[in-house]
Amino acid sequence: VQLVQSGADLRNPGASVTVSCKASGYIFTSYYIDWVRQAPGQGLEWMGRIDPEDGGTKYAQKFQGRVTFTADTSTSTAYVELSSLRSEDTAVYYCARRNSGMDQWGQGTQVTVSS
């Protein structure tokens, strides 16, 4: 089982960013994908999750209206798009497979928001 994320990204405030998470080694549609981030010096922050089987999503209230999760079953890839970026969104973003807890994690993607 492996989750491989896209590379680091640098964005200006107000822009959007999309991070991808390609799954392999298991049936992609059988498990939710969660998204979690960790800002510098902070703990893990859960952003929400997507069910790749039907595209159903659940977003943490903090991110409602600014984050979108999608999943492409043809490529077994999940995506998170975060819009209206601000400096506080600078963090490492992780995808994780949910299997009675998050049992497999991507390597993390550094997103830096700076002008």
C-alpha atoms as a PDB file:
ATOM      1  CA  VAL A   1       0.000   0.000   0.000  1.00  0.00           C
ATOM      2  CA  GLN A   2       1.380   3.377  -0.940  1.00  0.00           C
ATOM      3  CA  LEU A   3       0.161   6.955  -1.098  1.00  0.00           C
ATOM      4  CA  VAL A   4       2.368   9.257  -3.133  1.00  0.00           C
ATOM      5  CA  GLN A   5       1.747  12.988  -3.024  1.00  0.00           C
ATOM      6  CA  SER A   6       2.681  15.785  -5.372  1.00  0.00           C
ATOM      7  CA  GLY A   7       5.681  17.966  -4.754  1.00  0.00           C
ATOM      8  CA  ALA A   8       6.152  21.147  -2.756  1.00  0.00           C
ATOM      9  CA  ASP A   9       4.365  24.266  -3.879  1.00  0.00           C
ATOM     10  CA  LEU A  10       4.824  27.991  -3.337  1.00  0.00           C
ATOM     11  CA  ARG A  11       1.816  30.247  -3.794  1.00  0.00           C
ATOM     12  CA  ASN A  12       0.929  33.878  -3.399  1.00  0.00           C
ATOM     13  CA  PRO A  13      -1.728  34.945  -0.903  1.00  0.00           C
ATOM     14  CA  GLY A  14      -5.169  34.796  -2.462  1.00  0.00           C
ATOM     15  CA  ALA A  15      -4.238  32.042  -4.892  1.00  0.00           C
ATOM     16  CA  SER A  16      -5.353  28.419  -4.893  1.00  0.00           C
ATOM     17  CA  VAL A  17      -3.339  25.241  -4.575  1.00  0.00           C
ATOM     18  CA  THR A  18      -4.086  21.638  -5.456  1.00  0.00           C
ATOM     19  CA  VAL A  19      -2.285  18.710  -3.876  1.00  0.00           C
ATOM     20  CA  SER A  20      -2.618  15.212  -5.301  1.00  0.00           C
ATOM     21  CA  CYS A  21      -2.385  11.837  -3.609  1.00  0.00           C
ATOM     22  CA  LYS A  22      -1.965   8.759  -5.803  1.00  0.00           C
ATOM     23  CA  ALA A  23      -2.900   5.467  -4.189  1.00  0.00           C
ATOM     24  CA  SER A  24      -1.579   2.038  -5.091  1.00  0.00           C
ATOM     25  CA  GLY A  25      -1.547  -1.458  -3.683  1.00  0.00           C
ATOM     26  CA  TYR A  26      -5.190  -1.610  -2.666  1.00  0.00           C
ATOM     27  CA  ILE A  27      -8.680  -1.025  -4.004  1.00  0.00           C
ATOM     28  CA  PHE A  28      -8.944   2.746  -4.063  1.00  0.00           C
ATOM     29  CA  THR A  29     -12.712   2.854  -3.714  1.00  0.00           C
ATOM     30  CA  SER A  30     -12.758   0.659  -0.614  1.00  0.00           C
ATOM     31  CA  TYR A  31     -11.401   3.238   1.834  1.00  0.00           C
ATOM     32  CA  TYR A  32     -11.947   6.887   2.600  1.00  0.00           C
ATOM     33  CA  ILE A  33      -9.077   9.311   2.087  1.00  0.00           C
ATOM     34  CA  ASP A  34      -8.550  11.844   4.860  1.00  0.00           C
ATOM     35  CA  TRP A  35      -6.658  15.100   4.534  1.00  0.00           C
ATOM     36  CA  VAL A  36      -4.637  16.461   7.436  1.00  0.00           C
ATOM     37  CA  ARG A  37      -2.219  19.345   7.675  1.00  0.00           C
ATOM     38  CA  GLN A  38       0.498  20.445  10.062  1.00  0.00           C
ATOM     39  CA  ALA A  39       1.573  24.053  10.266  1.00  0.00           C
ATOM     40  CA  PRO A  40       5.042  24.931  11.577  1.00  0.00           C
ATOM     41  CA  GLY A  41       5.211  24.311  15.292  1.00  0.00           C
ATOM     42  CA  GLN A  42       1.599  23.115  15.422  1.00  0.00           C
ATOM     43  CA  GLY A  43      -0.120  19.770  15.787  1.00  0.00           C
ATOM     44  CA  LEU A  44      -1.987  17.832  13.163  1.00  0.00           C
ATOM     45  CA  GLU A  45      -5.197  19.434  11.942  1.00  0.00           C
ATOM     46  CA  TRP A  46      -7.881  17.327  10.283  1.00  0.00           C
ATOM     47  CA  MET A  47      -9.341  18.958   7.188  1.00  0.00           C
ATOM     48  CA  GLY A  48     -11.892  16.362   6.173  1.00  0.00           C
ATOM     49  CA  ARG A  49     -12.316  13.260   4.071  1.00  0.00           C
ATOM     50  CA  ILE A  50     -13.647  11.907   0.814  1.00  0.00           C
ATOM     51  CA  ASP A  51     -15.223   8.586  -0.082  1.00  0.00           C
ATOM     52  CA  PRO A  52     -13.677   7.739  -3.460  1.00  0.00           C
ATOM     53  CA  GLU A  53     -16.465   5.304  -4.227  1.00  0.00           C
ATOM     54  CA  ASP A  54     -19.192   7.913  -4.514  1.00  0.00           C
ATOM     55  CA  GLY A  55     -17.349  11.219  -4.080  1.00  0.00           C
ATOM     56  CA  GLY A  56     -19.071  11.943  -0.810  1.00  0.00           C
ATOM     57  CA  THR A  57     -17.215  14.464   1.310  1.00  0.00           C
ATOM     58  CA  LYS A  58     -17.053  15.762   4.864  1.00  0.00           C
ATOM     59  CA  TYR A  59     -15.253  18.982   5.614  1.00  0.00           C
ATOM     60  CA  ALA A  60     -14.028  20.337   8.919  1.00  0.00           C
ATOM     61  CA  GLN A  61     -16.031  23.438   9.711  1.00  0.00           C
ATOM     62  CA  LYS A  62     -12.940  25.615   9.680  1.00  0.00           C
ATOM     63  CA  PHE A  63     -12.371  24.896   5.991  1.00  0.00           C
ATOM     64  CA  GLN A  64     -15.959  24.946   4.760  1.00  0.00           C
ATOM     65  CA  GLY A  65     -16.240  26.956   1.563  1.00  0.00           C
ATOM     66  CA  ARG A  66     -12.520  27.126   0.965  1.00  0.00           C
ATOM     67  CA  VAL A  67     -11.537  23.494   0.444  1.00  0.00           C
ATOM     68  CA  THR A  68     -12.643  20.933  -2.114  1.00  0.00           C
ATOM     69  CA  PHE A  69     -11.860  17.228  -2.156  1.00  0.00           C
ATOM     70  CA  THR A  70     -12.132  15.193  -5.325  1.00  0.00           C
ATOM     71  CA  ALA A  71     -11.166  11.685  -6.356  1.00  0.00           C
ATOM     72  CA  ASP A  72     -10.408  10.247  -9.775  1.00  0.00           C
ATOM     73  CA  THR A  73     -11.098   6.529  -9.673  1.00  0.00           C
ATOM     74  CA  SER A  74      -9.561   5.998 -13.133  1.00  0.00           C
ATOM     75  CA  THR A  75      -6.143   6.964 -11.758  1.00  0.00           C
ATOM     76  CA  SER A  76      -6.710   6.159  -8.066  1.00  0.00           C
ATOM     77  CA  THR A  77      -5.829   9.722  -7.189  1.00  0.00           C
ATOM     78  CA  ALA A  78      -7.346  12.005  -4.595  1.00  0.00           C
ATOM     79  CA  TYR A  79      -7.013  15.764  -4.674  1.00  0.00           C
ATOM     80  CA  VAL A  80      -7.416  18.619  -2.251  1.00  0.00           C
ATOM     81  CA  GLU A  81      -7.839  22.157  -3.497  1.00  0.00           C
ATOM     82  CA  LEU A  82      -7.537  25.030  -1.063  1.00  0.00           C
ATOM     83  CA  SER A  83      -8.487  28.489  -2.258  1.00  0.00           C
ATOM     84  CA  SER A  84      -8.059  32.061  -1.004  1.00  0.00           C
ATOM     85  CA  LEU A  85      -4.729  31.104   0.485  1.00  0.00           C
ATOM     86  CA  ARG A  86      -3.272  33.073   3.343  1.00  0.00           C
ATOM     87  CA  SER A  87      -0.008  32.836   5.189  1.00  0.00           C
ATOM     88  CA  GLU A  88      -1.610  30.722   7.922  1.00  0.00           C
ATOM     89  CA  ASP A  89      -2.184  27.992   5.327  1.00  0.00           C
ATOM     90  CA  THR A  90       1.556  27.391   5.139  1.00  0.00           C
ATOM     91  CA  ALA A  91       1.834  23.794   6.263  1.00  0.00           C
ATOM     92  CA  VAL A  92       2.666  20.247   5.298  1.00  0.00           C
ATOM     93  CA  TYR A  93      -0.417  18.608   3.841  1.00  0.00           C
ATOM     94  CA  TYR A  94      -0.955  14.864   4.203  1.00  0.00           C
ATOM     95  CA  CYS A  95      -3.382  12.384   2.753  1.00  0.00           C
ATOM     96  CA  ALA A  96      -4.134   9.242   4.711  1.00  0.00           C
ATOM     97  CA  ARG A  97      -6.168   6.113   4.127  1.00  0.00           C
ATOM     98  CA  ARG A  98      -8.892   5.642   6.691  1.00  0.00           C
ATOM     99  CA  ASN A  99      -9.170   2.084   7.932  1.00  0.00           C
ATOM    100  CA  SER A 100     -10.384   2.227  11.531  1.00  0.00           C
ATOM    101  CA  GLY A 101      -7.960   5.087  11.922  1.00  0.00           C
ATOM    102  CA  MET A 102      -5.481   6.439   9.422  1.00  0.00           C
ATOM    103  CA  ASP A 103      -3.331   3.434   8.691  1.00  0.00           C
ATOM    104  CA  GLN A 104      -1.370   4.621   5.656  1.00  0.00           C
ATOM    105  CA  TRP A 105      -0.035   8.110   5.045  1.00  0.00           C
ATOM    106  CA  GLY A 106       1.372   9.984   2.117  1.00  0.00           C
ATOM    107  CA  GLN A 107       4.823  11.499   2.450  1.00  0.00           C
ATOM    108  CA  GLY A 108       3.443  15.005   2.884  1.00  0.00           C
ATOM    109  CA  THR A 109       3.463  18.049   0.623  1.00  0.00           C
ATOM    110  CA  GLN A 110       4.892  21.363   1.765  1.00  0.00           C
ATOM    111  CA  VAL A 111       2.695  24.265   0.756  1.00  0.00           C
ATOM    112  CA  THR A 112       4.135  27.701   1.383  1.00  0.00           C
ATOM    113  CA  VAL A 113       2.041  30.830   1.053  1.00  0.00           C
ATOM    114  CA  SER A 114       4.149  33.916   0.680  1.00  0.00           C
ATOM    115  CA  SER A 115       4.347  37.010  -1.449  1.00  0.00           C
END
